[in-house]
PDB file of all heavy atoms in Angstrom:
ATOM      1  N   MET A   1      -0.001   9.109  12.172  1.00  0.00           N
ATOM      2  CA  MET A   1      -0.131   7.814  11.455  1.00  0.00           C
ATOM      3  C   MET A   1      -1.131   6.885  12.236  1.00  0.00           C
ATOM      4  O   MET A   1      -0.982   6.793  13.510  1.00  0.00           O
ATOM      5  CB  MET A   1       1.325   7.201  11.290  1.00  0.00           C
ATOM      6  CG  MET A   1       1.282   5.993  10.448  1.00  0.00           C
ATOM      7  SD  MET A   1       2.943   5.580  10.117  1.00  0.00           S
ATOM      8  CE  MET A   1       3.079   6.318   8.447  1.00  0.00           C
ATOM      9  N   SER A   2      -2.039   6.175  11.638  1.00  0.00           N
ATOM     10  CA  SER A   2      -2.906   5.333  12.309  1.00  0.00           C
ATOM     11  C   SER A   2      -2.492   3.968  12.476  1.00  0.00           C
ATOM     12  O   SER A   2      -1.491   3.483  11.790  1.00  0.00           O
ATOM     13  CB  SER A   2      -4.238   5.382  11.611  1.00  0.00           C
ATOM     14  OG  SER A   2      -4.171   4.595  10.429  1.00  0.00           O
ATOM     15  N   ARG A   3      -3.181   3.189  13.387  1.00  0.00           N
ATOM     16  CA  ARG A   3      -2.767   1.782  13.459  1.00  0.00           C
ATOM     17  C   ARG A   3      -2.927   1.027  12.163  1.00  0.00           C
ATOM     18  O   ARG A   3      -2.251   0.144  11.821  1.00  0.00           O
ATOM     19  CB  ARG A   3      -3.729   1.167  14.499  1.00  0.00           C
ATOM     20  CG  ARG A   3      -3.415   1.619  15.974  1.00  0.00           C
ATOM     21  CD  ARG A   3      -4.329   1.008  16.831  1.00  0.00           C
ATOM     22  NE  ARG A   3      -4.580  -0.427  16.940  1.00  0.00           N
ATOM     23  CZ  ARG A   3      -3.742  -1.378  17.549  1.00  0.00           C
ATOM     24  NH1 ARG A   3      -2.770  -0.811  18.311  1.00  0.00           N
ATOM     25  NH2 ARG A   3      -3.910  -2.535  17.502  1.00  0.00           N
ATOM     26  N   HIS A   4      -4.005   1.391  11.405  1.00  0.00           N
ATOM     27  CA  HIS A   4      -4.232   0.740  10.127  1.00  0.00           C
ATOM     28  C   HIS A   4      -3.145   0.978   9.099  1.00  0.00           C
ATOM     29  O   HIS A   4      -2.707  -0.049   8.490  1.00  0.00           O
ATOM     30  CB  HIS A   4      -5.611   1.291   9.507  1.00  0.00           C
ATOM     31  CG  HIS A   4      -5.858   0.649   8.137  1.00  0.00           C
ATOM     32  ND1 HIS A   4      -6.300  -0.634   8.106  1.00  0.00           N
ATOM     33  CD2 HIS A   4      -5.962   1.150   6.958  1.00  0.00           C
ATOM     34  CE1 HIS A   4      -6.552  -0.929   6.870  1.00  0.00           C
ATOM     35  NE2 HIS A   4      -6.338   0.117   6.163  1.00  0.00           N
ATOM     36  N   SER A   5      -2.681   2.170   8.994  1.00  0.00           N
ATOM     37  CA  SER A   5      -1.621   2.408   8.021  1.00  0.00           C
ATOM     38  C   SER A   5      -0.238   1.899   8.360  1.00  0.00           C
ATOM     39  O   SER A   5       0.557   1.568   7.570  1.00  0.00           O
ATOM     40  CB  SER A   5      -1.496   3.935   7.861  1.00  0.00           C
ATOM     41  OG  SER A   5      -1.007   4.545   9.022  1.00  0.00           O
ATOM     42  N   MET A   6      -0.107   1.668   9.845  1.00  0.00           N
ATOM     43  CA  MET A   6       1.113   0.994  10.233  1.00  0.00           C
ATOM     44  C   MET A   6       1.058  -0.540  10.115  1.00  0.00           C
ATOM     45  O   MET A   6       1.897  -1.247  10.505  1.00  0.00           O
ATOM     46  CB  MET A   6       1.418   1.358  11.659  1.00  0.00           C
ATOM     47  CG  MET A   6       1.675   2.908  11.767  1.00  0.00           C
ATOM     48  SD  MET A   6       2.120   3.523  13.477  1.00  0.00           S
ATOM     49  CE  MET A   6       2.156   2.104  14.497  1.00  0.00           C
ATOM     50  N   GLY A   7      -0.049  -1.049   9.620  1.00  0.00           N
ATOM     51  CA  GLY A   7      -0.324  -2.469   9.560  1.00  0.00           C
ATOM     52  C   GLY A   7      -0.695  -3.132  10.896  1.00  0.00           C
ATOM     53  O   GLY A   7      -0.564  -4.360  11.014  1.00  0.00           O
ATOM     54  N   LEU A   8      -1.148  -2.455  11.850  1.00  0.00           N
ATOM     55  CA  LEU A   8      -1.522  -3.071  13.227  1.00  0.00           C
ATOM     56  C   LEU A   8      -2.953  -3.476  13.160  1.00  0.00           C
ATOM     57  O   LEU A   8      -3.439  -3.829  14.290  1.00  0.00           O
ATOM     58  CB  LEU A   8      -1.082  -2.007  14.236  1.00  0.00           C
ATOM     59  CG  LEU A   8       0.419  -1.769  14.237  1.00  0.00           C
ATOM     60  CD1 LEU A   8       0.603  -0.702  15.328  1.00  0.00           C
ATOM     61  CD2 LEU A   8       1.225  -3.023  14.645  1.00  0.00           C
ATOM     62  N   GLY A   9      -3.801  -3.182  12.219  1.00  0.00           N
ATOM     63  CA  GLY A   9      -5.150  -3.537  12.330  1.00  0.00           C
ATOM     64  C   GLY A   9      -6.073  -2.324  12.634  1.00  0.00           C
ATOM     65  O   GLY A   9      -5.519  -1.242  12.839  1.00  0.00           O
ATOM     66  N   GLY A  10      -7.269  -2.700  12.795  1.00  0.00           N
ATOM     67  CA  GLY A  10      -8.115  -1.575  13.130  1.00  0.00           C
ATOM     68  C   GLY A  10      -8.563  -0.899  11.868  1.00  0.00           C
ATOM     69  O   GLY A  10      -7.994  -1.038  10.861  1.00  0.00           O
ATOM     70  N   PRO A  11      -9.794  -0.231  11.954  1.00  0.00           N
ATOM     71  CA  PRO A  11     -10.324   0.478  10.762  1.00  0.00           C
ATOM     72  C   PRO A  11      -9.463   1.698  10.405  1.00  0.00           C
ATOM     73  O   PRO A  11      -8.746   2.268  11.170  1.00  0.00           O
ATOM     74  CB  PRO A  11     -11.680   0.912  11.193  1.00  0.00           C
ATOM     75  CG  PRO A  11     -11.569   1.039  12.640  1.00  0.00           C
ATOM     76  CD  PRO A  11     -10.503   0.036  13.170  1.00  0.00           C
ATOM     77  N   PRO A  12      -9.482   2.061   9.104  1.00  0.00           N
ATOM     78  CA  PRO A  12      -8.564   3.249   8.828  1.00  0.00           C
ATOM     79  C   PRO A  12      -9.306   4.461   9.256  1.00  0.00           C
ATOM     80  O   PRO A  12     -10.533   4.391   9.446  1.00  0.00           O
ATOM     81  CB  PRO A  12      -8.636   3.192   7.188  1.00  0.00           C
ATOM     82  CG  PRO A  12      -9.801   2.384   6.857  1.00  0.00           C
ATOM     83  CD  PRO A  12     -10.047   1.448   7.952  1.00  0.00           C
ATOM     84  N   SER A  13      -8.579   5.561   9.423  1.00  0.00           N
ATOM     85  CA  SER A  13      -9.055   6.719   9.833  1.00  0.00           C
ATOM     86  C   SER A  13      -9.929   7.345   8.682  1.00  0.00           C
ATOM     87  O   SER A  13      -9.695   7.175   7.516  1.00  0.00           O
ATOM     88  CB  SER A  13      -7.913   7.719  10.102  1.00  0.00           C
ATOM     89  OG  SER A  13      -8.357   8.981  10.207  1.00  0.00           O
ATOM     90  N   PRO A  14     -10.958   8.052   9.086  1.00  0.00           N
ATOM     91  CA  PRO A  14     -11.772   8.622   7.855  1.00  0.00           C
ATOM     92  C   PRO A  14     -11.005   9.692   7.234  1.00  0.00           C
ATOM     93  O   PRO A  14     -11.454  10.064   6.014  1.00  0.00           O
ATOM     94  CB  PRO A  14     -13.049   9.231   8.700  1.00  0.00           C
ATOM     95  CG  PRO A  14     -12.593   9.401  10.076  1.00  0.00           C
ATOM     96  CD  PRO A  14     -11.591   8.332  10.271  1.00  0.00           C
ATOM     97  N   TYR A  15      -9.825  10.261   7.714  1.00  0.00           N
ATOM     98  CA  TYR A  15      -9.166  11.298   7.070  1.00  0.00           C
ATOM     99  C   TYR A  15      -8.101  10.613   6.228  1.00  0.00           C
ATOM    100  O   TYR A  15      -7.409  11.389   5.444  1.00  0.00           O
ATOM    101  CB  TYR A  15      -8.562  12.175   8.019  1.00  0.00           C
ATOM    102  CG  TYR A  15      -9.603  12.777   8.919  1.00  0.00           C
ATOM    103  CD1 TYR A  15      -9.626  12.454  10.254  1.00  0.00           C
ATOM    104  CD2 TYR A  15     -10.468  13.787   8.408  1.00  0.00           C
ATOM    105  CE1 TYR A  15     -10.732  12.985  11.037  1.00  0.00           C
ATOM    106  CE2 TYR A  15     -11.481  14.203   9.140  1.00  0.00           C
ATOM    107  CZ  TYR A  15     -11.541  14.012  10.533  1.00  0.00           C
ATOM    108  OH  TYR A  15     -12.602  14.511  11.293  1.00  0.00           O
ATOM    109  N   GLU A  16      -7.861   9.330   6.249  1.00  0.00           N
ATOM    110  CA  GLU A  16      -6.802   8.637   5.449  1.00  0.00           C
ATOM    111  C   GLU A  16      -7.414   8.092   4.270  1.00  0.00           C
ATOM    112  O   GLU A  16      -8.506   7.480   4.148  1.00  0.00           O
ATOM    113  CB  GLU A  16      -6.256   7.444   6.264  1.00  0.00           C
ATOM    114  CG  GLU A  16      -5.001   7.672   6.834  1.00  0.00           C
ATOM    115  CD  GLU A  16      -4.588   6.400   7.465  1.00  0.00           C
ATOM    116  OE1 GLU A  16      -4.484   5.216   6.915  1.00  0.00           O
ATOM    117  OE2 GLU A  16      -4.358   6.506   8.706  1.00  0.00           O
ATOM    118  N   ALA A  17      -6.792   8.342   3.123  1.00  0.00           N
ATOM    119  CA  ALA A  17      -7.300   7.824   1.893  1.00  0.00           C
ATOM    120  C   ALA A  17      -6.671   6.391   1.749  1.00  0.00           C
ATOM    121  O   ALA A  17      -5.552   6.116   1.723  1.00  0.00           O
ATOM    122  CB  ALA A  17      -6.762   8.608   0.543  1.00  0.00           C
ATOM    123  N   GLY A  18      -7.614   5.432   1.693  1.00  0.00           N
ATOM    124  CA  GLY A  18      -7.274   4.016   1.682  1.00  0.00           C
ATOM    125  C   GLY A  18      -7.254   3.704   0.199  1.00  0.00           C
ATOM    126  O   GLY A  18      -7.350   4.555  -0.734  1.00  0.00           O
ATOM    127  N   PRO A  19      -6.743   2.418  -0.023  1.00  0.00           N
ATOM    128  CA  PRO A  19      -6.614   2.026  -1.475  1.00  0.00           C
ATOM    129  C   PRO A  19      -8.028   1.845  -2.140  1.00  0.00           C
ATOM    130  O   PRO A  19      -9.016   1.726  -1.437  1.00  0.00           O
ATOM    131  CB  PRO A  19      -6.048   0.561  -1.318  1.00  0.00           C
ATOM    132  CG  PRO A  19      -6.328   0.145   0.056  1.00  0.00           C
ATOM    133  CD  PRO A  19      -6.399   1.338   0.866  1.00  0.00           C
ATOM    134  N   GLU A  20      -7.969   1.971  -3.477  1.00  0.00           N
ATOM    135  CA  GLU A  20      -9.303   1.807  -4.143  1.00  0.00           C
ATOM    136  C   GLU A  20      -9.900   0.443  -3.957  1.00  0.00           C
ATOM    137  O   GLU A  20      -9.158  -0.604  -3.930  1.00  0.00           O
ATOM    138  CB  GLU A  20      -9.137   2.033  -5.615  1.00  0.00           C
ATOM    139  CG  GLU A  20      -8.890   3.468  -5.924  1.00  0.00           C
ATOM    140  CD  GLU A  20      -9.984   4.336  -5.736  1.00  0.00           C
ATOM    141  OE1 GLU A  20     -11.159   4.013  -6.046  1.00  0.00           O
ATOM    142  OE2 GLU A  20      -9.728   5.445  -5.098  1.00  0.00           O
ATOM    143  N   PRO A  21     -11.093   0.244  -3.685  1.00  0.00           N
ATOM    144  CA  PRO A  21     -11.586  -1.155  -3.506  1.00  0.00           C
ATOM    145  C   PRO A  21     -11.507  -1.840  -4.840  1.00  0.00           C
ATOM    146  O   PRO A  21     -11.791  -1.204  -5.907  1.00  0.00           O
ATOM    147  CB  PRO A  21     -13.134  -0.909  -2.994  1.00  0.00           C
ATOM    148  CG  PRO A  21     -13.441   0.529  -3.511  1.00  0.00           C
ATOM    149  CD  PRO A  21     -12.206   1.229  -3.531  1.00  0.00           C
ATOM    150  N   ALA A  22     -11.390  -3.109  -4.761  1.00  0.00           N
ATOM    151  CA  ALA A  22     -11.297  -3.836  -5.921  1.00  0.00           C
ATOM    152  C   ALA A  22     -12.552  -4.089  -6.559  1.00  0.00           C
ATOM    153  O   ALA A  22     -13.538  -3.995  -5.903  1.00  0.00           O
ATOM    154  CB  ALA A  22     -10.634  -5.294  -5.620  1.00  0.00           C
ATOM    155  N   ASP A  23     -12.572  -4.272  -7.905  1.00  0.00           N
ATOM    156  CA  ASP A  23     -13.817  -4.511  -8.517  1.00  0.00           C
ATOM    157  C   ASP A  23     -14.419  -5.932  -8.046  1.00  0.00           C
ATOM    158  O   ASP A  23     -13.995  -6.878  -8.669  1.00  0.00           O
ATOM    159  CB  ASP A  23     -13.639  -4.281 -10.035  1.00  0.00           C
ATOM    160  CG  ASP A  23     -14.886  -4.398 -10.927  1.00  0.00           C
ATOM    161  OD1 ASP A  23     -16.008  -4.420 -10.194  1.00  0.00           O
ATOM    162  OD2 ASP A  23     -14.823  -4.697 -11.926  1.00  0.00           O
ATOM    163  N   ARG A  24     -15.377  -5.916  -7.290  1.00  0.00           N
ATOM    164  CA  ARG A  24     -15.882  -7.210  -6.738  1.00  0.00           C
ATOM    165  C   ARG A  24     -16.596  -7.931  -7.777  1.00  0.00           C
ATOM    166  O   ARG A  24     -16.803  -9.193  -7.862  1.00  0.00           O
ATOM    167  CB  ARG A  24     -16.868  -6.976  -5.510  1.00  0.00           C
ATOM    168  CG  ARG A  24     -16.232  -6.187  -4.463  1.00  0.00           C
ATOM    169  CD  ARG A  24     -15.155  -6.976  -3.771  1.00  0.00           C
ATOM    170  NE  ARG A  24     -14.668  -6.220  -2.642  1.00  0.00           N
ATOM    171  CZ  ARG A  24     -13.501  -6.284  -2.118  1.00  0.00           C
ATOM    172  NH1 ARG A  24     -12.666  -7.163  -2.565  1.00  0.00           N
ATOM    173  NH2 ARG A  24     -13.146  -5.578  -1.052  1.00  0.00           N
ATOM    174  N   HIS A  25     -17.169  -7.233  -8.754  1.00  0.00           N
ATOM    175  CA  HIS A  25     -17.928  -7.914  -9.862  1.00  0.00           C
ATOM    176  C   HIS A  25     -16.823  -8.763 -10.731  1.00  0.00           C
ATOM    177  O   HIS A  25     -17.212  -9.835 -11.264  1.00  0.00           O
ATOM    178  CB  HIS A  25     -18.586  -6.942 -10.828  1.00  0.00           C
ATOM    179  CG  HIS A  25     -19.744  -6.250  -9.992  1.00  0.00           C
ATOM    180  ND1 HIS A  25     -20.898  -6.996  -9.502  1.00  0.00           N
ATOM    181  CD2 HIS A  25     -19.940  -5.056  -9.633  1.00  0.00           C
ATOM    182  CE1 HIS A  25     -21.524  -6.044  -8.886  1.00  0.00           C
ATOM    183  NE2 HIS A  25     -21.036  -4.894  -8.964  1.00  0.00           N
ATOM    184  N   SER A  26     -15.683  -8.279 -10.949  1.00  0.00           N
ATOM    185  CA  SER A  26     -14.662  -9.094 -11.633  1.00  0.00           C
ATOM    186  C   SER A  26     -14.263 -10.218 -10.950  1.00  0.00           C
ATOM    187  O   SER A  26     -14.171 -11.387 -11.527  1.00  0.00           O
ATOM    188  CB  SER A  26     -13.386  -8.231 -11.924  1.00  0.00           C
ATOM    189  OG  SER A  26     -12.731  -7.879 -10.827  1.00  0.00           O
ATOM    190  N   VAL A  27     -14.317 -10.335  -9.564  1.00  0.00           N
ATOM    191  CA  VAL A  27     -14.012 -11.531  -8.801  1.00  0.00           C
ATOM    192  C   VAL A  27     -15.093 -12.461  -8.969  1.00  0.00           C
ATOM    193  O   VAL A  27     -14.954 -13.643  -9.036  1.00  0.00           O
ATOM    194  CB  VAL A  27     -13.611 -11.065  -7.400  1.00  0.00           C
ATOM    195  CG1 VAL A  27     -13.433 -12.330  -6.558  1.00  0.00           C
ATOM    196  CG2 VAL A  27     -12.400 -10.222  -7.315  1.00  0.00           C
ATOM    197  N   SER A  28     -16.340 -11.902  -8.944  1.00  0.00           N
ATOM    198  CA  SER A  28     -17.420 -12.874  -8.914  1.00  0.00           C
ATOM    199  C   SER A  28     -17.661 -13.481 -10.302  1.00  0.00           C
ATOM    200  O   SER A  28     -18.383 -14.488 -10.460  1.00  0.00           O
ATOM    201  CB  SER A  28     -18.757 -12.192  -8.510  1.00  0.00           C
ATOM    202  OG  SER A  28     -19.045 -11.114  -9.523  1.00  0.00           O
ATOM    203  N   ARG A  29     -16.979 -12.897 -11.289  1.00  0.00           N
ATOM    204  CA  ARG A  29     -17.044 -13.518 -12.585  1.00  0.00           C
ATOM    205  C   ARG A  29     -16.010 -14.598 -12.813  1.00  0.00           C
ATOM    206  O   ARG A  29     -15.976 -15.333 -13.944  1.00  0.00           O
ATOM    207  CB  ARG A  29     -16.883 -12.516 -13.628  1.00  0.00           C
ATOM    208  CG  ARG A  29     -18.253 -11.829 -13.911  1.00  0.00           C
ATOM    209  CD  ARG A  29     -18.149 -10.850 -15.162  1.00  0.00           C
ATOM    210  NE  ARG A  29     -18.561  -9.402 -14.633  1.00  0.00           N
ATOM    211  CZ  ARG A  29     -17.702  -8.434 -14.711  1.00  0.00           C
ATOM    212  NH1 ARG A  29     -16.421  -8.604 -15.039  1.00  0.00           N
ATOM    213  NH2 ARG A  29     -18.028  -7.406 -14.168  1.00  0.00           N
ATOM    214  N   GLN A  30     -15.069 -14.813 -11.887  1.00  0.00           N
ATOM    215  CA  GLN A  30     -14.002 -15.758 -12.028  1.00  0.00           C
ATOM    216  C   GLN A  30     -14.604 -17.129 -12.018  1.00  0.00           C
ATOM    217  O   GLN A  30     -15.500 -17.451 -11.090  1.00  0.00           O
ATOM    218  CB  GLN A  30     -13.009 -15.599 -10.938  1.00  0.00           C
ATOM    219  CG  GLN A  30     -12.258 -14.273 -10.913  1.00  0.00           C
ATOM    220  CD  GLN A  30     -11.259 -14.221 -11.963  1.00  0.00           C
ATOM    221  OE1 GLN A  30     -10.715 -15.433 -12.432  1.00  0.00           O
ATOM    222  NE2 GLN A  30     -11.021 -13.175 -12.600  1.00  0.00           N
ATOM    223  N   PRO A  31     -14.121 -18.113 -12.728  1.00  0.00           N
ATOM    224  CA  PRO A  31     -14.641 -19.432 -12.750  1.00  0.00           C
ATOM    225  C   PRO A  31     -14.345 -20.156 -11.390  1.00  0.00           C
ATOM    226  O   PRO A  31     -15.139 -20.907 -10.851  1.00  0.00           O
ATOM    227  CB  PRO A  31     -13.817 -20.222 -13.851  1.00  0.00           C
ATOM    228  CG  PRO A  31     -13.255 -19.111 -14.643  1.00  0.00           C
ATOM    229  CD  PRO A  31     -13.212 -17.952 -13.890  1.00  0.00           C
ATOM    230  N   ALA A  32     -13.302 -19.749 -10.640  1.00  0.00           N
ATOM    231  CA  ALA A  32     -13.044 -20.340  -9.408  1.00  0.00           C
ATOM    232  C   ALA A  32     -13.992 -19.884  -8.387  1.00  0.00           C
ATOM    233  O   ALA A  32     -14.520 -20.745  -7.602  1.00  0.00           O
ATOM    234  CB  ALA A  32     -11.614 -19.944  -8.989  1.00  0.00           C
ATOM    235  N   TYR A  33     -14.408 -18.748  -8.518  1.00  0.00           N
ATOM    236  CA  TYR A  33     -15.488 -18.248  -7.470  1.00  0.00           C
ATOM    237  C   TYR A  33     -16.732 -18.898  -7.773  1.00  0.00           C
ATOM    238  O   TYR A  33     -17.437 -19.358  -6.872  1.00  0.00           O
ATOM    239  CB  TYR A  33     -15.578 -16.749  -7.736  1.00  0.00           C
ATOM    240  CG  TYR A  33     -16.607 -16.106  -6.868  1.00  0.00           C
ATOM    241  CD1 TYR A  33     -16.265 -15.881  -5.467  1.00  0.00           C
ATOM    242  CD2 TYR A  33     -17.864 -15.707  -7.239  1.00  0.00           C
ATOM    243  CE1 TYR A  33     -17.352 -15.248  -4.641  1.00  0.00           C
ATOM    244  CE2 TYR A  33     -18.748 -15.072  -6.413  1.00  0.00           C
ATOM    245  CZ  TYR A  33     -18.589 -14.961  -5.133  1.00  0.00           C
ATOM    246  OH  TYR A  33     -19.450 -14.488  -4.201  1.00  0.00           O
ATOM    247  N   GLN A  34     -17.139 -19.121  -9.107  1.00  0.00           N
ATOM    248  CA  GLN A  34     -18.399 -19.647  -9.410  1.00  0.00           C
ATOM    249  C   GLN A  34     -18.415 -21.156  -8.995  1.00  0.00           C
ATOM    250  O   GLN A  34     -19.392 -21.663  -8.455  1.00  0.00           O
ATOM    251  CB  GLN A  34     -18.708 -19.637 -10.985  1.00  0.00           C
ATOM    252  CG  GLN A  34     -18.878 -18.300 -11.559  1.00  0.00           C
ATOM    253  CD  GLN A  34     -20.114 -17.678 -10.834  1.00  0.00           C
ATOM    254  OE1 GLN A  34     -20.986 -18.264 -10.552  1.00  0.00           O
ATOM    255  NE2 GLN A  34     -20.037 -16.300 -10.645  1.00  0.00           N
ATOM    256  N   ALA A  35     -17.353 -21.969  -9.150  1.00  0.00           N
ATOM    257  CA  ALA A  35     -17.108 -23.246  -8.686  1.00  0.00           C
ATOM    258  C   ALA A  35     -17.380 -23.338  -7.125  1.00  0.00           C
ATOM    259  O   ALA A  35     -17.850 -24.235  -6.598  1.00  0.00           O
ATOM    260  CB  ALA A  35     -15.859 -23.914  -9.199  1.00  0.00           C
ATOM    261  N   LEU A  36     -16.663 -22.303  -6.488  1.00  0.00           N
ATOM    262  CA  LEU A  36     -16.726 -22.242  -5.018  1.00  0.00           C
ATOM    263  C   LEU A  36     -18.091 -22.090  -4.591  1.00  0.00           C
ATOM    264  O   LEU A  36     -18.545 -22.852  -3.604  1.00  0.00           O
ATOM    265  CB  LEU A  36     -15.849 -21.063  -4.470  1.00  0.00           C
ATOM    266  CG  LEU A  36     -15.930 -20.878  -3.017  1.00  0.00           C
ATOM    267  CD1 LEU A  36     -15.210 -21.997  -2.356  1.00  0.00           C
ATOM    268  CD2 LEU A  36     -15.188 -19.514  -2.692  1.00  0.00           C
ATOM    269  N   ARG A  37     -18.931 -21.268  -5.181  1.00  0.00           N
ATOM    270  CA  ARG A  37     -20.290 -21.083  -4.822  1.00  0.00           C
ATOM    271  C   ARG A  37     -21.071 -22.314  -5.120  1.00  0.00           C
ATOM    272  O   ARG A  37     -21.897 -22.611  -4.208  1.00  0.00           O
ATOM    273  CB  ARG A  37     -20.848 -19.984  -5.635  1.00  0.00           C
ATOM    274  CG  ARG A  37     -20.386 -18.558  -5.024  1.00  0.00           C
ATOM    275  CD  ARG A  37     -21.235 -17.497  -5.581  1.00  0.00           C
ATOM    276  NE  ARG A  37     -22.644 -17.906  -5.668  1.00  0.00           N
ATOM    277  CZ  ARG A  37     -23.596 -16.865  -5.145  1.00  0.00           C
ATOM    278  NH1 ARG A  37     -23.205 -15.714  -4.739  1.00  0.00           N
ATOM    279  NH2 ARG A  37     -24.797 -17.250  -5.204  1.00  0.00           N
ATOM    280  N   ARG A  38     -21.012 -22.911  -6.147  1.00  0.00           N
ATOM    281  CA  ARG A  38     -21.607 -24.117  -6.520  1.00  0.00           C
ATOM    282  C   ARG A  38     -21.314 -25.308  -5.402  1.00  0.00           C
ATOM    283  O   ARG A  38     -22.162 -25.994  -4.975  1.00  0.00           O
ATOM    284  CB  ARG A  38     -21.344 -24.783  -7.812  1.00  0.00           C
ATOM    285  CG  ARG A  38     -22.134 -24.135  -9.020  1.00  0.00           C
ATOM    286  CD  ARG A  38     -21.906 -24.830 -10.306  1.00  0.00           C
ATOM    287  NE  ARG A  38     -20.543 -25.015 -10.604  1.00  0.00           N
ATOM    288  CZ  ARG A  38     -19.868 -24.055 -11.305  1.00  0.00           C
ATOM    289  NH1 ARG A  38     -20.576 -22.923 -11.764  1.00  0.00           N
ATOM    290  NH2 ARG A  38     -18.637 -24.143 -11.705  1.00  0.00           N
TER     291      ARG A  38
END
């Protein structure tokens, strides 16, 4: 078990399957994100 999977920080092991990355485009379309950028 790696430090990352135990919640201790550090990058995940390349052999560990991490969670799917969130769809960043859906976040960038949020009105709050657009207002933040402006």
